[in-house]
Protein backbone atom coordinates (compact mmCIF):
# COMPACT_ATOMS: atom_id res chain seq x y z
CA MET A 1 142.99 28.63 38.64
CA PRO A 2 143.29 32.34 37.76
CA SER A 3 141.64 33.57 34.62
CA PRO A 4 143.85 34.71 31.71
CA ALA A 5 142.85 38.28 32.55
CA GLY A 6 144.01 37.74 36.11
CA LEU A 7 147.36 36.45 34.89
CA PHE A 8 147.75 39.46 32.64
CA ASP A 9 147.01 41.79 35.53
CA GLU A 10 149.62 40.09 37.71
CA GLU A 11 152.18 40.14 34.89
CA SER A 12 151.53 43.85 34.30
CA ARG A 13 151.87 44.55 38.00
CA LEU A 14 155.22 42.72 38.17
CA LYS A 15 156.51 44.52 35.08
CA ALA A 16 155.52 47.85 36.62
CA ILE A 17 157.38 46.98 39.83
CA ALA A 18 160.50 45.99 37.86
CA ALA A 19 160.36 49.15 35.74
CA LYS A 20 160.00 51.34 38.84
CA ALA A 21 162.96 49.62 40.49
CA CYS A 22 165.02 50.17 37.35
CA ALA A 23 163.95 53.81 37.09
CA GLU A 24 164.92 54.46 40.71
CA ASN A 25 168.49 53.34 40.00
CA VAL A 26 170.14 56.36 38.34
CA ASP A 27 173.50 54.60 38.03
CA GLY A 28 171.86 51.70 36.19
CA LEU A 29 170.10 54.09 33.83
CA LEU A 30 173.38 55.87 33.14
CA ASP A 31 175.02 52.52 32.40
CA SER A 32 172.39 51.89 29.73
CA LEU A 33 173.39 55.20 28.12
CA SER A 34 177.15 54.64 28.28
CA GLY A 35 177.58 54.07 24.54
CA VAL A 36 175.43 57.06 23.60
CA LEU A 37 176.66 59.92 25.76
CA GLU A 38 179.36 62.27 24.57
CA PRO A 39 182.38 62.86 26.82
CA GLY A 40 181.40 65.22 29.62
CA GLN A 41 177.66 64.75 29.05
CA GLU A 42 177.11 62.29 31.92
CA PRO A 43 177.06 64.85 34.78
CA MET A 44 174.26 66.83 33.12
CA VAL A 45 172.27 63.69 32.32
CA ARG A 46 172.76 62.43 35.90
CA GLN A 47 171.49 65.75 37.25
CA LYS A 48 168.42 65.65 35.00
CA LEU A 49 167.64 62.05 35.98
CA GLU A 50 167.98 62.82 39.68
CA MET A 51 165.75 65.89 39.44
CA MET A 52 162.92 64.40 37.37
CA PRO A 53 160.13 62.26 38.80
CA VAL A 54 160.91 58.53 38.69
CA SER A 55 157.88 57.91 36.47
CA PHE A 56 159.48 59.94 33.63
CA ARG A 57 163.00 58.50 33.75
CA LEU A 58 162.48 55.51 31.45
CA VAL A 59 160.96 57.71 28.73
CA TYR A 60 163.93 60.08 29.04
CA VAL A 61 166.44 57.22 28.70
CA GLU A 62 164.57 55.83 25.70
CA ALA A 63 164.68 59.28 24.11
CA MET A 64 168.41 59.63 24.83
CA LEU A 65 169.05 56.26 23.20
CA GLY A 66 167.54 57.65 20.00
CA ASN A 67 165.24 54.68 19.47
CA SER A 68 161.94 56.51 19.57
CA LEU A 69 160.92 59.87 18.16
CA ALA A 70 157.71 59.67 20.20
CA SER A 71 159.71 59.22 23.42
CA SER A 72 161.89 62.17 22.46
CA VAL A 73 158.88 64.47 22.03
CA LYS A 74 157.28 63.11 25.21
CA ALA A 75 160.46 63.68 27.23
CA PHE A 76 160.94 67.20 25.84
CA CYS A 77 157.33 68.28 26.40
CA SER A 78 157.19 66.71 29.86
CA GLU A 79 160.31 68.56 30.96
CA CYS A 80 159.11 71.84 29.45
CA CYS A 81 155.77 71.57 31.30
CA GLY A 82 157.29 70.65 34.65
CA TYR A 83 156.46 66.94 34.38
CA ASP A 84 152.75 67.70 34.73
CA ARG A 85 150.73 65.53 32.34
CA GLU A 86 147.69 67.79 32.36
CA SER A 87 149.79 70.86 31.52
CA THR A 88 151.58 68.93 28.79
CA GLY A 89 148.33 67.88 27.14
CA SER A 90 146.83 71.36 27.34
CA CYS A 91 150.01 73.22 26.34
CA VAL A 92 149.28 76.58 24.71
CA CYS A 93 152.75 77.12 23.18
CA LYS A 94 151.52 76.77 19.61
CA GLY A 95 154.79 78.18 18.26
CA CYS A 96 156.71 75.12 19.49
CA PRO A 97 157.59 72.63 16.74
CA HIS A 98 156.53 69.79 19.07
CA TRP A 99 153.10 71.26 19.79
CA PRO A 100 151.15 69.21 17.22
CA TYR A 101 152.78 66.04 18.54
CA ARG A 102 152.61 66.72 22.31
CA PRO A 103 151.61 63.80 24.49
CA TYR A 104 148.51 63.54 26.68
CA GLN A 105 146.27 65.53 24.33
CA LYS A 106 142.57 65.35 25.03
């Protein structure tokens, strides 16, 4: 019988697979934003989703839904720094209002 830690690892792995599959489906992500987007906003959001790395798409959608200020800052900073986590954490743009809250700080 697997240990509880082993079960957790398998559950985490399956959740990660499901999240990646969801993030790869741009149409599905746009559907989740259908009640939030203004008329005419969908083409720009589609373009952003298609251009960004899959690993950042769920954070972007969460930010667009307006449910998480942290996700909003993370999405903004990630886009600004070219979706490079190291650059985001070591950002030198101290004049940015998001700078004190940027993700991936060391």
